């Protein structure tokens, strides 16, 4: 038991497919008048997210209605826009553990590709230039933990591979 004035207790996390039930624990501390403290520090996670400029960049004059896409162009965004920024992918990524200050992480790269793939965006070259870095992009080792743990069943590793493919085609 735990409560005000008592020692914190240990609560097992729900096991992910790649984890054994007894291999991960999270500590919770209940403070009087505060509640349970156990939130992850997300400052770096969101700094990387904002670094990829997760918004449409389009300097063209706005149309009278909206920026239209063909059904095929819209289909390109499936599996990219659904990310809820929970951070599970980055939390389970060994490359992110080893280089948290330099590697952007799966969530940020997924969001970066979401706007690279968007036909309405006009900053693809700028985005690719920013991502073309030995740490920002190429620290991904395709371990695929990110895809395995995503609660929305997205594939950040696939988005990372597509960024790499675009950069490779661009350099030829």
C-alpha atoms as a PDB file:
ATOM      1  CA  UNK A   1       0.000   0.000   0.000  1.00  0.00           C
ATOM      2  CA  UNK A   2       1.016   3.562  -0.588  1.00  0.00           C
ATOM      3  CA  UNK A   3      -0.361   6.903   0.466  1.00  0.00           C
ATOM      4  CA  UNK A   4       0.520  10.160   2.168  1.00  0.00           C
ATOM      5  CA  UNK A   5       3.472   9.633   4.459  1.00  0.00           C
ATOM      6  CA  UNK A   6       4.094   6.084   3.252  1.00  0.00           C
ATOM      7  CA  UNK A   7       6.843   4.664   1.080  1.00  0.00           C
ATOM      8  CA  UNK A   8       6.335   4.597  -2.677  1.00  0.00           C
ATOM      9  CA  UNK A   9       5.180   1.311  -4.129  1.00  0.00           C
ATOM     10  CA  UNK A  10       6.194  -0.419  -7.326  1.00  0.00           C
ATOM     11  CA  UNK A  11       3.630  -1.092 -10.000  1.00  0.00           C
ATOM     12  CA  UNK A  12       4.318  -3.363 -12.985  1.00  0.00           C
ATOM     13  CA  UNK A  13       3.777  -1.861 -16.414  1.00  0.00           C
ATOM     14  CA  UNK A  14       1.541  -3.615 -18.888  1.00  0.00           C
ATOM     15  CA  UNK A  15       3.997  -5.881 -20.723  1.00  0.00           C
ATOM     16  CA  UNK A  16       4.714  -5.135 -24.366  1.00  0.00           C
ATOM     17  CA  UNK A  17       5.139  -8.085 -26.725  1.00  0.00           C
ATOM     18  CA  UNK A  18       8.942  -7.847 -26.582  1.00  0.00           C
ATOM     19  CA  UNK A  19       9.132  -7.610 -22.778  1.00  0.00           C
ATOM     20  CA  UNK A  20       8.703 -10.204 -20.093  1.00  0.00           C
ATOM     21  CA  UNK A  21       6.082  -9.208 -17.492  1.00  0.00           C
ATOM     22  CA  UNK A  22       8.627  -8.924 -14.680  1.00  0.00           C
ATOM     23  CA  UNK A  23      11.298  -6.983 -16.587  1.00  0.00           C
ATOM     24  CA  UNK A  24       9.921  -3.422 -16.285  1.00  0.00           C
ATOM     25  CA  UNK A  25       8.693  -1.498 -13.254  1.00  0.00           C
ATOM     26  CA  UNK A  26       7.721   2.075 -12.701  1.00  0.00           C
ATOM     27  CA  UNK A  27       7.842   3.833  -9.362  1.00  0.00           C
ATOM     28  CA  UNK A  28       4.939   5.975  -8.202  1.00  0.00           C
ATOM     29  CA  UNK A  29       5.068   8.433  -5.347  1.00  0.00           C
ATOM     30  CA  UNK A  30       1.917   9.866  -3.811  1.00  0.00           C
ATOM     31  CA  UNK A  31       2.453  13.266  -2.221  1.00  0.00           C
ATOM     32  CA  UNK A  32      -0.138  14.911   0.033  1.00  0.00           C
ATOM     33  CA  UNK A  33      -2.406  17.297  -1.923  1.00  0.00           C
ATOM     34  CA  UNK A  34      -0.506  16.588  -5.165  1.00  0.00           C
ATOM     35  CA  UNK A  35      -1.416  13.104  -6.300  1.00  0.00           C
ATOM     36  CA  UNK A  36       0.725  10.570  -8.067  1.00  0.00           C
ATOM     37  CA  UNK A  37       3.983  11.694  -9.638  1.00  0.00           C
ATOM     38  CA  UNK A  38       5.312   9.498 -12.416  1.00  0.00           C
ATOM     39  CA  UNK A  39       5.295  11.467 -15.655  1.00  0.00           C
ATOM     40  CA  UNK A  40       8.106  11.121 -18.171  1.00  0.00           C
ATOM     41  CA  UNK A  41      10.261  14.127 -18.971  1.00  0.00           C
ATOM     42  CA  UNK A  42       9.235  15.143 -22.490  1.00  0.00           C
ATOM     43  CA  UNK A  43      11.219  18.354 -22.991  1.00  0.00           C
ATOM     44  CA  UNK A  44      13.715  16.792 -25.401  1.00  0.00           C
ATOM     45  CA  UNK A  45      11.028  14.753 -27.162  1.00  0.00           C
ATOM     46  CA  UNK A  46       9.040  17.883 -28.021  1.00  0.00           C
ATOM     47  CA  UNK A  47      12.172  19.891 -28.875  1.00  0.00           C
ATOM     48  CA  UNK A  48      12.956  17.290 -31.553  1.00  0.00           C
ATOM     49  CA  UNK A  49       9.323  17.322 -32.674  1.00  0.00           C
ATOM     50  CA  UNK A  50       9.344  21.114 -33.125  1.00  0.00           C
ATOM     51  CA  UNK A  51      12.729  20.974 -34.903  1.00  0.00           C
ATOM     52  CA  UNK A  52      11.170  19.180 -37.898  1.00  0.00           C
ATOM     53  CA  UNK A  53       8.644  22.033 -38.301  1.00  0.00           C
ATOM     54  CA  UNK A  54       5.504  19.901 -37.988  1.00  0.00           C
ATOM     55  CA  UNK A  55       3.239  22.176 -39.996  1.00  0.00           C
ATOM     56  CA  UNK A  56       2.577  22.998 -43.633  1.00  0.00           C
ATOM     57  CA  UNK A  57       4.936  25.527 -45.165  1.00  0.00           C
ATOM     58  CA  UNK A  58       3.497  27.092 -48.280  1.00  0.00           C
ATOM     59  CA  UNK A  59       4.319  30.635 -49.356  1.00  0.00           C
ATOM     60  CA  UNK A  60       1.889  30.593 -52.269  1.00  0.00           C
ATOM     61  CA  UNK A  61      -1.128  32.880 -51.897  1.00  0.00           C
ATOM     62  CA  UNK A  62      -3.953  31.003 -50.203  1.00  0.00           C
ATOM     63  CA  UNK A  63      -6.622  29.730 -52.564  1.00  0.00           C
ATOM     64  CA  UNK A  64     -10.184  30.933 -52.203  1.00  0.00           C
ATOM     65  CA  UNK A  65     -11.349  27.613 -50.711  1.00  0.00           C
ATOM     66  CA  UNK A  66      -8.691  25.115 -49.633  1.00  0.00           C
ATOM     67  CA  UNK A  67      -5.531  23.445 -50.906  1.00  0.00           C
ATOM     68  CA  UNK A  68      -6.864  20.400 -52.693  1.00  0.00           C
ATOM     69  CA  UNK A  69      -5.220  17.008 -53.078  1.00  0.00           C
ATOM     70  CA  UNK A  70      -5.998  14.106 -55.340  1.00  0.00           C
ATOM     71  CA  UNK A  71      -7.132  10.903 -53.618  1.00  0.00           C
ATOM     72  CA  UNK A  72      -3.712   9.409 -54.403  1.00  0.00           C
ATOM     73  CA  UNK A  73      -1.912  12.368 -52.816  1.00  0.00           C
ATOM     74  CA  UNK A  74      -4.130  12.080 -49.759  1.00  0.00           C
ATOM     75  CA  UNK A  75      -3.465   8.331 -49.527  1.00  0.00           C
ATOM     76  CA  UNK A  76       0.262   9.108 -49.184  1.00  0.00           C
ATOM     77  CA  UNK A  77      -0.476  10.593 -45.750  1.00  0.00           C
ATOM     78  CA  UNK A  78      -2.184   7.514 -44.322  1.00  0.00           C
ATOM     79  CA  UNK A  79      -0.093   6.086 -41.520  1.00  0.00           C
ATOM     80  CA  UNK A  80       1.604   9.451 -40.938  1.00  0.00           C
ATOM     81  CA  UNK A  81      -0.972  11.942 -39.651  1.00  0.00           C
ATOM     82  CA  UNK A  82      -2.483   9.580 -37.049  1.00  0.00           C
ATOM     83  CA  UNK A  83       0.451   9.873 -34.612  1.00  0.00           C
ATOM     84  CA  UNK A  84      -0.742  10.957 -31.145  1.00  0.00           C
ATOM     85  CA  UNK A  85       2.757  11.925 -29.898  1.00  0.00           C
ATOM     86  CA  UNK A  86       2.631   9.489 -26.995  1.00  0.00           C
ATOM     87  CA  UNK A  87       6.390   8.895 -27.228  1.00  0.00           C
ATOM     88  CA  UNK A  88       6.231   5.096 -26.988  1.00  0.00           C
ATOM     89  CA  UNK A  89       8.316   4.732 -30.144  1.00  0.00           C
ATOM     90  CA  UNK A  90      11.076   7.011 -28.886  1.00  0.00           C
ATOM     91  CA  UNK A  91      10.964   5.467 -25.428  1.00  0.00           C
ATOM     92  CA  UNK A  92      11.654   2.004 -26.850  1.00  0.00           C
ATOM     93  CA  UNK A  93      14.259   3.095 -29.422  1.00  0.00           C
ATOM     94  CA  UNK A  94      17.859   2.103 -28.532  1.00  0.00           C
ATOM     95  CA  UNK A  95      19.243   4.744 -30.905  1.00  0.00           C
ATOM     96  CA  UNK A  96      17.268   7.367 -28.996  1.00  0.00           C
ATOM     97  CA  UNK A  97      18.616   6.024 -25.684  1.00  0.00           C
ATOM     98  CA  UNK A  98      22.201   6.264 -26.925  1.00  0.00           C
ATOM     99  CA  UNK A  99      21.928   9.682 -28.618  1.00  0.00           C
ATOM    100  CA  UNK A 100      18.951  11.488 -27.045  1.00  0.00           C
ATOM    101  CA  UNK A 101      20.366  14.938 -27.718  1.00  0.00           C
ATOM    102  CA  UNK A 102      21.267  14.340 -31.393  1.00  0.00           C
ATOM    103  CA  UNK A 103      19.021  11.617 -32.851  1.00  0.00           C
ATOM    104  CA  UNK A 104      15.578  13.086 -33.482  1.00  0.00           C
ATOM    105  CA  UNK A 105      13.794   9.848 -32.698  1.00  0.00           C
ATOM    106  CA  UNK A 106      11.069   7.919 -34.487  1.00  0.00           C
ATOM    107  CA  UNK A 107       8.150  10.225 -33.626  1.00  0.00           C
ATOM    108  CA  UNK A 108       9.864  13.388 -34.872  1.00  0.00           C
ATOM    109  CA  UNK A 109      11.052  11.662 -38.038  1.00  0.00           C
ATOM    110  CA  UNK A 110       7.579  10.264 -38.689  1.00  0.00           C
ATOM    111  CA  UNK A 111       6.177  13.793 -38.392  1.00  0.00           C
ATOM    112  CA  UNK A 112       8.962  15.156 -40.573  1.00  0.00           C
ATOM    113  CA  UNK A 113       8.058  12.679 -43.289  1.00  0.00           C
ATOM    114  CA  UNK A 114       4.359  13.438 -42.872  1.00  0.00           C
ATOM    115  CA  UNK A 115       5.028  16.945 -44.223  1.00  0.00           C
ATOM    116  CA  UNK A 116       7.641  15.854 -46.780  1.00  0.00           C
ATOM    117  CA  UNK A 117       4.998  13.530 -48.252  1.00  0.00           C
ATOM    118  CA  UNK A 118       2.264  16.186 -48.228  1.00  0.00           C
ATOM    119  CA  UNK A 119       1.693  17.556 -51.742  1.00  0.00           C
ATOM    120  CA  UNK A 120       0.541  20.898 -50.299  1.00  0.00           C
ATOM    121  CA  UNK A 121       3.866  21.564 -48.546  1.00  0.00           C
ATOM    122  CA  UNK A 122       6.549  23.582 -50.351  1.00  0.00           C
ATOM    123  CA  UNK A 123       9.477  23.056 -47.954  1.00  0.00           C
ATOM    124  CA  UNK A 124      10.470  19.511 -48.915  1.00  0.00           C
ATOM    125  CA  UNK A 125      14.005  20.505 -49.934  1.00  0.00           C
ATOM    126  CA  UNK A 126      14.492  22.480 -46.710  1.00  0.00           C
ATOM    127  CA  UNK A 127      13.182  19.588 -44.609  1.00  0.00           C
ATOM    128  CA  UNK A 128      15.366  17.016 -46.358  1.00  0.00           C
ATOM    129  CA  UNK A 129      18.432  19.227 -45.994  1.00  0.00           C
ATOM    130  CA  UNK A 130      17.813  19.532 -42.246  1.00  0.00           C
ATOM    131  CA  UNK A 131      17.298  15.783 -41.819  1.00  0.00           C
ATOM    132  CA  UNK A 132      20.325  14.784 -43.916  1.00  0.00           C
ATOM    133  CA  UNK A 133      22.612  14.422 -40.914  1.00  0.00           C
ATOM    134  CA  UNK A 134      24.592  11.530 -39.486  1.00  0.00           C
ATOM    135  CA  UNK A 135      22.821  11.886 -36.120  1.00  0.00           C
ATOM    136  CA  UNK A 136      19.387  13.353 -36.860  1.00  0.00           C
ATOM    137  CA  UNK A 137      18.369  10.652 -39.335  1.00  0.00           C
ATOM    138  CA  UNK A 138      21.060   8.066 -39.841  1.00  0.00           C
ATOM    139  CA  UNK A 139      21.342   6.887 -36.231  1.00  0.00           C
ATOM    140  CA  UNK A 140      18.247   4.766 -36.825  1.00  0.00           C
ATOM    141  CA  UNK A 141      19.398   1.143 -36.976  1.00  0.00           C
ATOM    142  CA  UNK A 142      16.049  -0.283 -38.134  1.00  0.00           C
ATOM    143  CA  UNK A 143      15.573  -2.300 -34.949  1.00  0.00           C
ATOM    144  CA  UNK A 144      11.809  -1.743 -35.386  1.00  0.00           C
ATOM    145  CA  UNK A 145      10.914  -1.405 -31.686  1.00  0.00           C
ATOM    146  CA  UNK A 146       9.106   1.800 -32.652  1.00  0.00           C
ATOM    147  CA  UNK A 147       6.765  -0.042 -34.976  1.00  0.00           C
ATOM    148  CA  UNK A 148       6.202  -2.867 -32.505  1.00  0.00           C
ATOM    149  CA  UNK A 149       5.102  -0.633 -29.613  1.00  0.00           C
ATOM    150  CA  UNK A 150       3.081   2.033 -31.456  1.00  0.00           C
ATOM    151  CA  UNK A 151      -0.451   2.053 -29.985  1.00  0.00           C
ATOM    152  CA  UNK A 152      -1.809   3.390 -33.304  1.00  0.00           C
ATOM    153  CA  UNK A 153      -0.040   0.639 -35.301  1.00  0.00           C
ATOM    154  CA  UNK A 154       2.003   3.162 -37.293  1.00  0.00           C
ATOM    155  CA  UNK A 155       5.455   2.450 -38.710  1.00  0.00           C
ATOM    156  CA  UNK A 156       7.972   5.189 -37.935  1.00  0.00           C
ATOM    157  CA  UNK A 157      10.732   2.942 -39.278  1.00  0.00           C
ATOM    158  CA  UNK A 158       8.986   2.832 -42.675  1.00  0.00           C
ATOM    159  CA  UNK A 159       8.774   6.643 -42.720  1.00  0.00           C
ATOM    160  CA  UNK A 160      12.488   6.855 -41.861  1.00  0.00           C
ATOM    161  CA  UNK A 161      13.310   4.507 -44.742  1.00  0.00           C
ATOM    162  CA  UNK A 162      11.249   6.664 -47.099  1.00  0.00           C
ATOM    163  CA  UNK A 163      13.157   9.790 -46.012  1.00  0.00           C
ATOM    164  CA  UNK A 164      16.424   7.956 -46.678  1.00  0.00           C
ATOM    165  CA  UNK A 165      15.164   6.831 -50.088  1.00  0.00           C
ATOM    166  CA  UNK A 166      14.220  10.409 -51.036  1.00  0.00           C
ATOM    167  CA  UNK A 167      17.661  11.639 -49.975  1.00  0.00           C
ATOM    168  CA  UNK A 168      19.343   8.863 -51.964  1.00  0.00           C
ATOM    169  CA  UNK A 169      17.315   9.663 -55.109  1.00  0.00           C
ATOM    170  CA  UNK A 170      18.052  13.359 -54.636  1.00  0.00           C
ATOM    171  CA  UNK A 171      21.810  12.732 -54.489  1.00  0.00           C
ATOM    172  CA  UNK A 172      21.887  10.698 -57.739  1.00  0.00           C
END
